[in-house]
Amino acid sequence: IAIAEMRKRSSLSTLLSSLSALPGIHSIKMIKEPAVLDASV
């Protein structure tokens, strides 16, 4: 049970959801499209 809870808290969706709720962040998501290295903001 304890390990399952840690898996849940450490999952990608939970982490992204928690970080997305922080002030100043509009959204955070993971997509399958390739990204160009050293791309400008």
PDB file of all heavy atoms in Angstrom:
ATOM      1  N   ILE A   1       0.834  -1.210   0.000  1.00  0.00           N
ATOM      2  CA  ILE A   1       0.000   0.000   0.000  1.00  0.00           C
ATOM      3  C   ILE A   1       0.865   1.256   0.000  1.00  0.00           C
ATOM      4  O   ILE A   1       0.616   2.206  -0.747  1.00  0.00           O
ATOM      5  CB  ILE A   1      -0.956  -0.020   1.213  1.00  0.00           C
ATOM      6  CG1 ILE A   1      -1.956  -1.176   1.072  1.00  0.00           C
ATOM      7  CG2 ILE A   1      -1.690   1.307   1.338  1.00  0.00           C
ATOM      8  CD1 ILE A   1      -2.919  -1.304   2.228  1.00  0.00           C
ATOM      9  N   ALA A   2       1.909   1.253   0.849  1.00  0.00           N
ATOM     10  CA  ALA A   2       2.765   2.442   0.930  1.00  0.00           C
ATOM     11  C   ALA A   2       3.489   2.688  -0.389  1.00  0.00           C
ATOM     12  O   ALA A   2       3.611   3.830  -0.853  1.00  0.00           O
ATOM     13  CB  ALA A   2       3.772   2.288   2.070  1.00  0.00           C
ATOM     14  N   ILE A   3       3.938   1.609  -1.027  1.00  0.00           N
ATOM     15  CA  ILE A   3       4.647   1.762  -2.302  1.00  0.00           C
ATOM     16  C   ILE A   3       3.683   2.220  -3.393  1.00  0.00           C
ATOM     17  O   ILE A   3       4.020   3.045  -4.250  1.00  0.00           O
ATOM     18  CB  ILE A   3       5.320   0.437  -2.685  1.00  0.00           C
ATOM     19  CG1 ILE A   3       6.367   0.072  -1.621  1.00  0.00           C
ATOM     20  CG2 ILE A   3       5.966   0.529  -4.058  1.00  0.00           C
ATOM     21  CD1 ILE A   3       7.039  -1.244  -1.870  1.00  0.00           C
ATOM     22  N   ALA A   4       2.462   1.689  -3.353  1.00  0.00           N
ATOM     23  CA  ALA A   4       1.469   2.118  -4.330  1.00  0.00           C
ATOM     24  C   ALA A   4       1.154   3.609  -4.173  1.00  0.00           C
ATOM     25  O   ALA A   4       0.966   4.326  -5.162  1.00  0.00           O
ATOM     26  CB  ALA A   4       0.195   1.290  -4.181  1.00  0.00           C
ATOM     27  N   GLU A   5       1.069   4.060  -2.932  1.00  0.00           N
ATOM     28  CA  GLU A   5       0.824   5.485  -2.702  1.00  0.00           C
ATOM     29  C   GLU A   5       1.980   6.333  -3.222  1.00  0.00           C
ATOM     30  O   GLU A   5       1.766   7.397  -3.816  1.00  0.00           O
ATOM     31  CB  GLU A   5       0.632   5.732  -1.194  1.00  0.00           C
ATOM     32  CG  GLU A   5       0.365   7.176  -0.809  1.00  0.00           C
ATOM     33  CD  GLU A   5      -0.961   7.692  -1.355  1.00  0.00           C
ATOM     34  OE1 GLU A   5      -1.851   6.861  -1.671  1.00  0.00           O
ATOM     35  OE2 GLU A   5      -1.109   8.921  -1.491  1.00  0.00           O
ATOM     36  N   MET A   6       3.207   5.837  -3.024  1.00  0.00           N
ATOM     37  CA  MET A   6       4.356   6.565  -3.542  1.00  0.00           C
ATOM     38  C   MET A   6       4.355   6.569  -5.072  1.00  0.00           C
ATOM     39  O   MET A   6       4.705   7.568  -5.707  1.00  0.00           O
ATOM     40  CB  MET A   6       5.644   5.933  -3.012  1.00  0.00           C
ATOM     41  CG  MET A   6       6.890   6.748  -3.352  1.00  0.00           C
ATOM     42  SD  MET A   6       8.396   5.967  -2.778  1.00  0.00           S
ATOM     43  CE  MET A   6       8.467   4.608  -3.926  1.00  0.00           C
ATOM     44  N   ARG A   7       3.942   5.440  -5.676  1.00  0.00           N
ATOM     45  CA  ARG A   7       3.847   5.388  -7.139  1.00  0.00           C
ATOM     46  C   ARG A   7       2.827   6.409  -7.645  1.00  0.00           C
ATOM     47  O   ARG A   7       3.054   7.086  -8.654  1.00  0.00           O
ATOM     48  CB  ARG A   7       3.434   3.974  -7.583  1.00  0.00           C
ATOM     49  CG  ARG A   7       4.528   2.930  -7.483  1.00  0.00           C
ATOM     50  CD  ARG A   7       3.974   1.543  -7.750  1.00  0.00           C
ATOM     51  NE  ARG A   7       3.339   1.469  -9.056  1.00  0.00           N
ATOM     52  CZ  ARG A   7       3.945   1.137 -10.181  1.00  0.00           C
ATOM     53  NH1 ARG A   7       5.229   0.834 -10.155  1.00  0.00           N
ATOM     54  NH2 ARG A   7       3.286   1.097 -11.329  1.00  0.00           N
ATOM     55  N   LYS A   8       1.718   6.508  -6.892  1.00  0.00           N
ATOM     56  CA  LYS A   8       0.684   7.447  -7.306  1.00  0.00           C
ATOM     57  C   LYS A   8       1.194   8.881  -7.216  1.00  0.00           C
ATOM     58  O   LYS A   8       0.992   9.687  -8.129  1.00  0.00           O
ATOM     59  CB  LYS A   8      -0.551   7.261  -6.430  1.00  0.00           C
ATOM     60  CG  LYS A   8      -1.703   8.197  -6.767  1.00  0.00           C
ATOM     61  CD  LYS A   8      -2.908   7.936  -5.857  1.00  0.00           C
ATOM     62  CE  LYS A   8      -4.035   8.911  -6.174  1.00  0.00           C
ATOM     63  NZ  LYS A   8      -5.199   8.687  -5.289  1.00  0.00           N
ATOM     64  N   ARG A   9       1.867   9.186  -6.077  1.00  0.00           N
ATOM     65  CA  ARG A   9       2.367  10.551  -5.910  1.00  0.00           C
ATOM     66  C   ARG A   9       3.523  10.868  -6.854  1.00  0.00           C
ATOM     67  O   ARG A   9       3.768  12.035  -7.161  1.00  0.00           O
ATOM     68  CB  ARG A   9       2.820  10.770  -4.470  1.00  0.00           C
ATOM     69  CG  ARG A   9       1.672  10.696  -3.462  1.00  0.00           C
ATOM     70  CD  ARG A   9       2.157  11.003  -2.057  1.00  0.00           C
ATOM     71  NE  ARG A   9       1.069  10.962  -1.096  1.00  0.00           N
ATOM     72  CZ  ARG A   9       1.203  11.235   0.189  1.00  0.00           C
ATOM     73  NH1 ARG A   9       2.395  11.555   0.680  1.00  0.00           N
ATOM     74  NH2 ARG A   9       0.160  11.175   0.995  1.00  0.00           N
ATOM     75  N   SER A  10       4.265   9.813  -7.262  1.00  0.00           N
ATOM     76  CA  SER A  10       5.406  10.025  -8.147  1.00  0.00           C
ATOM     77  C   SER A  10       5.048   9.891  -9.612  1.00  0.00           C
ATOM     78  O   SER A  10       5.933   9.998 -10.469  1.00  0.00           O
ATOM     79  CB  SER A  10       6.516   9.015  -7.798  1.00  0.00           C
ATOM     80  OG  SER A  10       6.900   9.133  -6.453  1.00  0.00           O
ATOM     81  N   SER A  11       3.784   9.613  -9.923  1.00  0.00           N
ATOM     82  CA  SER A  11       3.397   9.439 -11.317  1.00  0.00           C
ATOM     83  C   SER A  11       3.509  10.759 -12.080  1.00  0.00           C
ATOM     84  O   SER A  11       3.456  11.845 -11.509  1.00  0.00           O
ATOM     85  CB  SER A  11       1.959   8.913 -11.392  1.00  0.00           C
ATOM     86  OG  SER A  11       1.056   9.872 -10.861  1.00  0.00           O
ATOM     87  N   LEU A  12       3.667  10.610 -13.363  1.00  0.00           N
ATOM     88  CA  LEU A  12       3.852  11.789 -14.208  1.00  0.00           C
ATOM     89  C   LEU A  12       2.626  12.687 -14.179  1.00  0.00           C
ATOM     90  O   LEU A  12       2.740  13.921 -14.066  1.00  0.00           O
ATOM     91  CB  LEU A  12       4.155  11.331 -15.646  1.00  0.00           C
ATOM     92  CG  LEU A  12       4.361  12.455 -16.669  1.00  0.00           C
ATOM     93  CD1 LEU A  12       5.554  13.316 -16.281  1.00  0.00           C
ATOM     94  CD2 LEU A  12       4.535  11.874 -18.059  1.00  0.00           C
ATOM     95  N   SER A  13       1.427  12.097 -14.233  1.00  0.00           N
ATOM     96  CA  SER A  13       0.216  12.922 -14.256  1.00  0.00           C
ATOM     97  C   SER A  13       0.053  13.701 -12.960  1.00  0.00           C
ATOM     98  O   SER A  13      -0.316  14.888 -12.972  1.00  0.00           O
ATOM     99  CB  SER A  13      -1.007  12.031 -14.498  1.00  0.00           C
ATOM    100  OG  SER A  13      -1.102  11.046 -13.479  1.00  0.00           O
ATOM    101  N   THR A  14       0.323  13.062 -11.809  1.00  0.00           N
ATOM    102  CA  THR A  14       0.199  13.754 -10.524  1.00  0.00           C
ATOM    103  C   THR A  14       1.208  14.881 -10.410  1.00  0.00           C
ATOM    104  O   THR A  14       0.892  15.986  -9.942  1.00  0.00           O
ATOM    105  CB  THR A  14       0.393  12.751  -9.380  1.00  0.00           C
ATOM    106  OG1 THR A  14      -0.568  11.705  -9.480  1.00  0.00           O
ATOM    107  CG2 THR A  14       0.244  13.435  -8.028  1.00  0.00           C
ATOM    108  N   LEU A  15       2.453  14.589 -10.845  1.00  0.00           N
ATOM    109  CA  LEU A  15       3.489  15.611 -10.755  1.00  0.00           C
ATOM    110  C   LEU A  15       3.159  16.803 -11.649  1.00  0.00           C
ATOM    111  O   LEU A  15       3.273  17.964 -11.234  1.00  0.00           O
ATOM    112  CB  LEU A  15       4.842  15.002 -11.152  1.00  0.00           C
ATOM    113  CG  LEU A  15       6.053  15.927 -11.040  1.00  0.00           C
ATOM    114  CD1 LEU A  15       6.243  16.408  -9.604  1.00  0.00           C
ATOM    115  CD2 LEU A  15       7.309  15.217 -11.528  1.00  0.00           C
ATOM    116  N   LEU A  16       2.723  16.513 -12.871  1.00  0.00           N
ATOM    117  CA  LEU A  16       2.398  17.613 -13.771  1.00  0.00           C
ATOM    118  C   LEU A  16       1.186  18.394 -13.269  1.00  0.00           C
ATOM    119  O   LEU A  16       1.134  19.627 -13.380  1.00  0.00           O
ATOM    120  CB  LEU A  16       2.122  17.062 -15.177  1.00  0.00           C
ATOM    121  CG  LEU A  16       3.318  16.417 -15.890  1.00  0.00           C
ATOM    122  CD1 LEU A  16       2.914  15.961 -17.285  1.00  0.00           C
ATOM    123  CD2 LEU A  16       4.494  17.374 -15.966  1.00  0.00           C
ATOM    124  N   SER A  17       0.200  17.702 -12.699  1.00  0.00           N
ATOM    125  CA  SER A  17      -0.974  18.382 -12.172  1.00  0.00           C
ATOM    126  C   SER A  17      -0.613  19.283 -10.996  1.00  0.00           C
ATOM    127  O   SER A  17      -1.109  20.413 -10.882  1.00  0.00           O
ATOM    128  CB  SER A  17      -2.012  17.340 -11.748  1.00  0.00           C
ATOM    129  OG  SER A  17      -3.140  17.970 -11.152  1.00  0.00           O
ATOM    130  N   SER A  18       0.257  18.796 -10.110  1.00  0.00           N
ATOM    131  CA  SER A  18       0.660  19.602  -8.950  1.00  0.00           C
ATOM    132  C   SER A  18       1.432  20.838  -9.380  1.00  0.00           C
ATOM    133  O   SER A  18       1.214  21.943  -8.875  1.00  0.00           O
ATOM    134  CB  SER A  18       1.497  18.749  -8.000  1.00  0.00           C
ATOM    135  OG  SER A  18       0.763  17.642  -7.530  1.00  0.00           O
ATOM    136  N   LEU A  19       2.341  20.646 -10.336  1.00  0.00           N
ATOM    137  CA  LEU A  19       3.143  21.778 -10.785  1.00  0.00           C
ATOM    138  C   LEU A  19       2.300  22.776 -11.587  1.00  0.00           C
ATOM    139  O   LEU A  19       2.559  23.978 -11.551  1.00  0.00           O
ATOM    140  CB  LEU A  19       4.323  21.280 -11.626  1.00  0.00           C
ATOM    141  CG  LEU A  19       5.373  20.450 -10.870  1.00  0.00           C
ATOM    142  CD1 LEU A  19       6.438  19.934 -11.828  1.00  0.00           C
ATOM    143  CD2 LEU A  19       6.033  21.291  -9.781  1.00  0.00           C
ATOM    144  N   SER A  20       1.307  22.259 -12.290  1.00  0.00           N
ATOM    145  CA  SER A  20       0.457  23.159 -13.076  1.00  0.00           C
ATOM    146  C   SER A  20      -0.355  24.103 -12.192  1.00  0.00           C
ATOM    147  O   SER A  20      -0.760  25.180 -12.632  1.00  0.00           O
ATOM    148  CB  SER A  20      -0.492  22.339 -13.970  1.00  0.00           C
ATOM    149  OG  SER A  20       0.243  21.563 -14.894  1.00  0.00           O
ATOM    150  N   ALA A  21      -0.619  23.672 -10.946  1.00  0.00           N
ATOM    151  CA  ALA A  21      -1.402  24.496 -10.033  1.00  0.00           C
ATOM    152  C   ALA A  21      -0.585  25.597  -9.365  1.00  0.00           C
ATOM    153  O   ALA A  21      -1.146  26.437  -8.658  1.00  0.00           O
ATOM    154  CB  ALA A  21      -2.045  23.613  -8.957  1.00  0.00           C
ATOM    155  N   LEU A  22       0.740  25.587  -9.573  1.00  0.00           N
ATOM    156  CA  LEU A  22       1.570  26.603  -8.939  1.00  0.00           C
ATOM    157  C   LEU A  22       1.354  27.958  -9.615  1.00  0.00           C
ATOM    158  O   LEU A  22       1.075  28.039 -10.824  1.00  0.00           O
ATOM    159  CB  LEU A  22       3.047  26.201  -9.021  1.00  0.00           C
ATOM    160  CG  LEU A  22       3.438  24.966  -8.215  1.00  0.00           C
ATOM    161  CD1 LEU A  22       4.900  24.617  -8.469  1.00  0.00           C
ATOM    162  CD2 LEU A  22       3.217  25.195  -6.723  1.00  0.00           C
ATOM    163  N   PRO A  23       1.509  29.033  -8.836  1.00  0.00           N
ATOM    164  CA  PRO A  23       1.327  30.376  -9.418  1.00  0.00           C
ATOM    165  C   PRO A  23       2.324  30.636 -10.539  1.00  0.00           C
ATOM    166  O   PRO A  23       3.490  30.246 -10.459  1.00  0.00           O
ATOM    167  CB  PRO A  23       1.556  31.308  -8.233  1.00  0.00           C
ATOM    168  CG  PRO A  23       1.326  30.473  -7.022  1.00  0.00           C
ATOM    169  CD  PRO A  23       1.767  29.087  -7.388  1.00  0.00           C
ATOM    170  N   GLY A  24       1.874  31.264 -11.570  1.00  0.00           N
ATOM    171  CA  GLY A  24       2.743  31.649 -12.680  1.00  0.00           C
ATOM    172  C   GLY A  24       2.830  30.621 -13.774  1.00  0.00           C
ATOM    173  O   GLY A  24       3.421  30.894 -14.820  1.00  0.00           O
ATOM    174  N   ILE A  25       2.278  29.422 -13.558  1.00  0.00           N
ATOM    175  CA  ILE A  25       2.317  28.375 -14.579  1.00  0.00           C
ATOM    176  C   ILE A  25       0.930  28.264 -15.202  1.00  0.00           C
ATOM    177  O   ILE A  25      -0.064  28.044 -14.507  1.00  0.00           O
ATOM    178  CB  ILE A  25       2.746  27.033 -13.980  1.00  0.00           C
ATOM    179  CG1 ILE A  25       4.179  27.135 -13.433  1.00  0.00           C
ATOM    180  CG2 ILE A  25       2.666  25.922 -15.010  1.00  0.00           C
ATOM    181  CD1 ILE A  25       4.700  25.844 -12.860  1.00  0.00           C
ATOM    182  N   HIS A  26       0.893  28.377 -16.503  1.00  0.00           N
ATOM    183  CA  HIS A  26      -0.386  28.270 -17.211  1.00  0.00           C
ATOM    184  C   HIS A  26      -0.779  26.808 -17.375  1.00  0.00           C
ATOM    185  O   HIS A  26      -1.912  26.421 -17.064  1.00  0.00           O
ATOM    186  CB  HIS A  26      -0.283  28.967 -18.579  1.00  0.00           C
ATOM    187  CG  HIS A  26      -1.565  28.956 -19.349  1.00  0.00           C
ATOM    188  ND1 HIS A  26      -1.903  27.940 -20.225  1.00  0.00           N
ATOM    189  CD2 HIS A  26      -2.603  29.836 -19.371  1.00  0.00           C
ATOM    190  CE1 HIS A  26      -3.079  28.197 -20.752  1.00  0.00           C
ATOM    191  NE2 HIS A  26      -3.537  29.343 -20.256  1.00  0.00           N
ATOM    192  N   SER A  27       0.144  25.999 -17.840  1.00  0.00           N
ATOM    193  CA  SER A  27      -0.110  24.572 -17.994  1.00  0.00           C
ATOM    194  C   SER A  27       1.211  23.849 -18.242  1.00  0.00           C
ATOM    195  O   SER A  27       2.177  24.445 -18.728  1.00  0.00           O
ATOM    196  CB  SER A  27      -1.087  24.292 -19.148  1.00  0.00           C
ATOM    197  OG  SER A  27      -0.503  24.672 -20.392  1.00  0.00           O
ATOM    198  N   ILE A  28       1.209  22.576 -17.897  1.00  0.00           N
ATOM    199  CA  ILE A  28       2.361  21.707 -18.153  1.00  0.00           C
ATOM    200  C   ILE A  28       1.809  20.399 -18.707  1.00  0.00           C
ATOM    201  O   ILE A  28       0.891  19.809 -18.142  1.00  0.00           O
ATOM    202  CB  ILE A  28       3.165  21.418 -16.876  1.00  0.00           C
ATOM    203  CG1 ILE A  28       3.694  22.717 -16.261  1.00  0.00           C
ATOM    204  CG2 ILE A  28       4.345  20.496 -17.178  1.00  0.00           C
ATOM    205  CD1 ILE A  28       4.394  22.504 -14.944  1.00  0.00           C
ATOM    206  N   LYS A  29       2.357  19.952 -19.808  1.00  0.00           N
ATOM    207  CA  LYS A  29       1.889  18.714 -20.408  1.00  0.00           C
ATOM    208  C   LYS A  29       3.033  18.012 -21.117  1.00  0.00           C
ATOM    209  O   LYS A  29       4.068  18.623 -21.432  1.00  0.00           O
ATOM    210  CB  LYS A  29       0.746  18.982 -21.376  1.00  0.00           C
ATOM    211  CG  LYS A  29       1.097  19.950 -22.507  1.00  0.00           C
ATOM    212  CD  LYS A  29      -0.128  20.243 -23.384  1.00  0.00           C
ATOM    213  CE  LYS A  29       0.231  21.257 -24.486  1.00  0.00           C
ATOM    214  NZ  LYS A  29      -0.933  21.549 -25.348  1.00  0.00           N
ATOM    215  N   MET A  30       2.838  16.719 -21.346  1.00  0.00           N
ATOM    216  CA  MET A  30       3.815  15.888 -22.037  1.00  0.00           C
ATOM    217  C   MET A  30       3.181  15.416 -23.337  1.00  0.00           C
ATOM    218  O   MET A  30       2.102  14.818 -23.336  1.00  0.00           O
ATOM    219  CB  MET A  30       4.206  14.682 -21.173  1.00  0.00           C
ATOM    220  CG  MET A  30       5.342  13.855 -21.745  1.00  0.00           C
ATOM    221  SD  MET A  30       6.962  14.663 -21.591  1.00  0.00           S
ATOM    222  CE  MET A  30       7.178  14.562 -19.815  1.00  0.00           C
ATOM    223  N   ILE A  31       3.856  15.690 -24.459  1.00  0.00           N
ATOM    224  CA  ILE A  31       3.337  15.284 -25.765  1.00  0.00           C
ATOM    225  C   ILE A  31       4.357  14.384 -26.450  1.00  0.00           C
ATOM    226  O   ILE A  31       5.530  14.324 -26.061  1.00  0.00           O
ATOM    227  CB  ILE A  31       3.023  16.518 -26.646  1.00  0.00           C
ATOM    228  CG1 ILE A  31       4.304  17.338 -26.897  1.00  0.00           C
ATOM    229  CG2 ILE A  31       1.966  17.399 -25.988  1.00  0.00           C
ATOM    230  CD1 ILE A  31       4.087  18.518 -27.821  1.00  0.00           C
ATOM    231  N   LYS A  32       3.914  13.668 -27.466  1.00  0.00           N
ATOM    232  CA  LYS A  32       4.759  12.722 -28.176  1.00  0.00           C
ATOM    233  C   LYS A  32       5.521  13.349 -29.336  1.00  0.00           C
ATOM    234  O   LYS A  32       6.346  12.687 -29.961  1.00  0.00           O
ATOM    235  CB  LYS A  32       3.909  11.563 -28.713  1.00  0.00           C
ATOM    236  CG  LYS A  32       3.214  10.760 -27.630  1.00  0.00           C
ATOM    237  CD  LYS A  32       4.238  10.123 -26.689  1.00  0.00           C
ATOM    238  CE  LYS A  32       3.550   9.270 -25.630  1.00  0.00           C
ATOM    239  NZ  LYS A  32       4.537   8.628 -24.727  1.00  0.00           N
ATOM    240  N   GLU A  33       5.276  14.614 -29.622  1.00  0.00           N
ATOM    241  CA  GLU A  33       5.948  15.262 -30.756  1.00  0.00           C
ATOM    242  C   GLU A  33       7.416  15.514 -30.409  1.00  0.00           C
ATOM    243  O   GLU A  33       7.743  15.900 -29.299  1.00  0.00           O
ATOM    244  CB  GLU A  33       5.261  16.594 -31.075  1.00  0.00           C
ATOM    245  CG  GLU A  33       3.801  16.431 -31.486  1.00  0.00           C
ATOM    246  CD  GLU A  33       3.154  17.779 -31.732  1.00  0.00           C
ATOM    247  OE1 GLU A  33       3.874  18.793 -31.610  1.00  0.00           O
ATOM    248  OE2 GLU A  33       1.947  17.809 -32.020  1.00  0.00           O
ATOM    249  N   PRO A  34       8.324  15.322 -31.376  1.00  0.00           N
ATOM    250  CA  PRO A  34       9.742  15.583 -31.101  1.00  0.00           C
ATOM    251  C   PRO A  34       9.997  17.081 -30.976  1.00  0.00           C
ATOM    252  O   PRO A  34       9.337  17.907 -31.590  1.00  0.00           O
ATOM    253  CB  PRO A  34      10.450  14.997 -32.335  1.00  0.00           C
ATOM    254  CG  PRO A  34       9.411  15.050 -33.422  1.00  0.00           C
ATOM    255  CD  PRO A  34       8.095  14.810 -32.733  1.00  0.00           C
ATOM    256  N   ALA A  35      10.952  17.431 -30.125  1.00  0.00           N
ATOM    257  CA  ALA A  35      11.316  18.836 -29.922  1.00  0.00           C
ATOM    258  C   ALA A  35      12.726  19.082 -30.419  1.00  0.00           C
ATOM    259  O   ALA A  35      13.592  18.216 -30.369  1.00  0.00           O
ATOM    260  CB  ALA A  35      11.209  19.208 -28.442  1.00  0.00           C
ATOM    261  N   VAL A  36      12.947  20.291 -30.938  1.00  0.00           N
ATOM    262  CA  VAL A  36      14.265  20.676 -31.437  1.00  0.00           C
ATOM    263  C   VAL A  36      15.138  21.054 -30.247  1.00  0.00           C
ATOM    264  O   VAL A  36      14.714  21.816 -29.368  1.00  0.00           O
ATOM    265  CB  VAL A  36      14.152  21.855 -32.428  1.00  0.00           C
ATOM    266  CG1 VAL A  36      15.531  22.235 -32.951  1.00  0.00           C
ATOM    267  CG2 VAL A  36      13.216  21.484 -33.559  1.00  0.00           C
ATOM    268  N   LEU A  37      16.348  20.487 -30.207  1.00  0.00           N
ATOM    269  CA  LEU A  37      17.248  20.799 -29.111  1.00  0.00           C
ATOM    270  C   LEU A  37      17.642  22.276 -29.141  1.00  0.00           C
ATOM    271  O   LEU A  37      17.840  22.873 -30.209  1.00  0.00           O
ATOM    272  CB  LEU A  37      18.503  19.924 -29.193  1.00  0.00           C
ATOM    273  CG  LEU A  37      18.282  18.413 -29.013  1.00  0.00           C
ATOM    274  CD1 LEU A  37      19.591  17.662 -29.189  1.00  0.00           C
ATOM    275  CD2 LEU A  37      17.669  18.127 -27.652  1.00  0.00           C
ATOM    276  N   ASP A  38      17.784  22.858 -27.923  1.00  0.00           N
ATOM    277  CA  ASP A  38      18.194  24.264 -27.761  1.00  0.00           C
ATOM    278  C   ASP A  38      17.248  25.217 -28.502  1.00  0.00           C
ATOM    279  O   ASP A  38      17.659  26.237 -29.052  1.00  0.00           O
ATOM    280  CB  ASP A  38      19.634  24.467 -28.260  1.00  0.00           C
ATOM    281  CG  ASP A  38      20.615  23.643 -27.469  1.00  0.00           C
ATOM    282  OD1 ASP A  38      20.355  23.405 -26.268  1.00  0.00           O
ATOM    283  OD2 ASP A  38      21.644  23.248 -28.033  1.00  0.00           O
ATOM    284  N   ALA A  39      15.969  24.860 -28.553  1.00  0.00           N
ATOM    285  CA  ALA A  39      15.011  25.751 -29.212  1.00  0.00           C
ATOM    286  C   ALA A  39      14.765  26.973 -28.334  1.00  0.00           C
ATOM    287  O   ALA A  39      14.775  26.891 -27.106  1.00  0.00           O
ATOM    288  CB  ALA A  39      13.703  25.011 -29.468  1.00  0.00           C
ATOM    289  N   SER A  40      14.539  28.108 -28.943  1.00  0.00           N
ATOM    290  CA  SER A  40      14.290  29.342 -28.198  1.00  0.00           C
ATOM    291  C   SER A  40      12.870  29.331 -27.636  1.00  0.00           C
ATOM    292  O   SER A  40      12.001  28.606 -28.101  1.00  0.00           O
ATOM    293  CB  SER A  40      14.467  30.558 -29.120  1.00  0.00           C
ATOM    294  OG  SER A  40      13.565  30.471 -30.211  1.00  0.00           O
ATOM    295  N   VAL A  41      12.660  30.115 -26.596  1.00  0.00           N
ATOM    296  CA  VAL A  41      11.341  30.221 -25.986  1.00  0.00           C
ATOM    297  C   VAL A  41      10.439  31.050 -26.900  1.00  0.00           C
ATOM    298  O   VAL A  41      10.834  32.121 -27.386  1.00  0.00           O
ATOM    299  CB  VAL A  41      11.449  30.866 -24.595  1.00  0.00           C
ATOM    300  CG1 VAL A  41      10.069  31.044 -23.977  1.00  0.00           C
ATOM    301  CG2 VAL A  41      12.332  30.022 -23.693  1.00  0.00           C
TER     302      VAL A  41
END
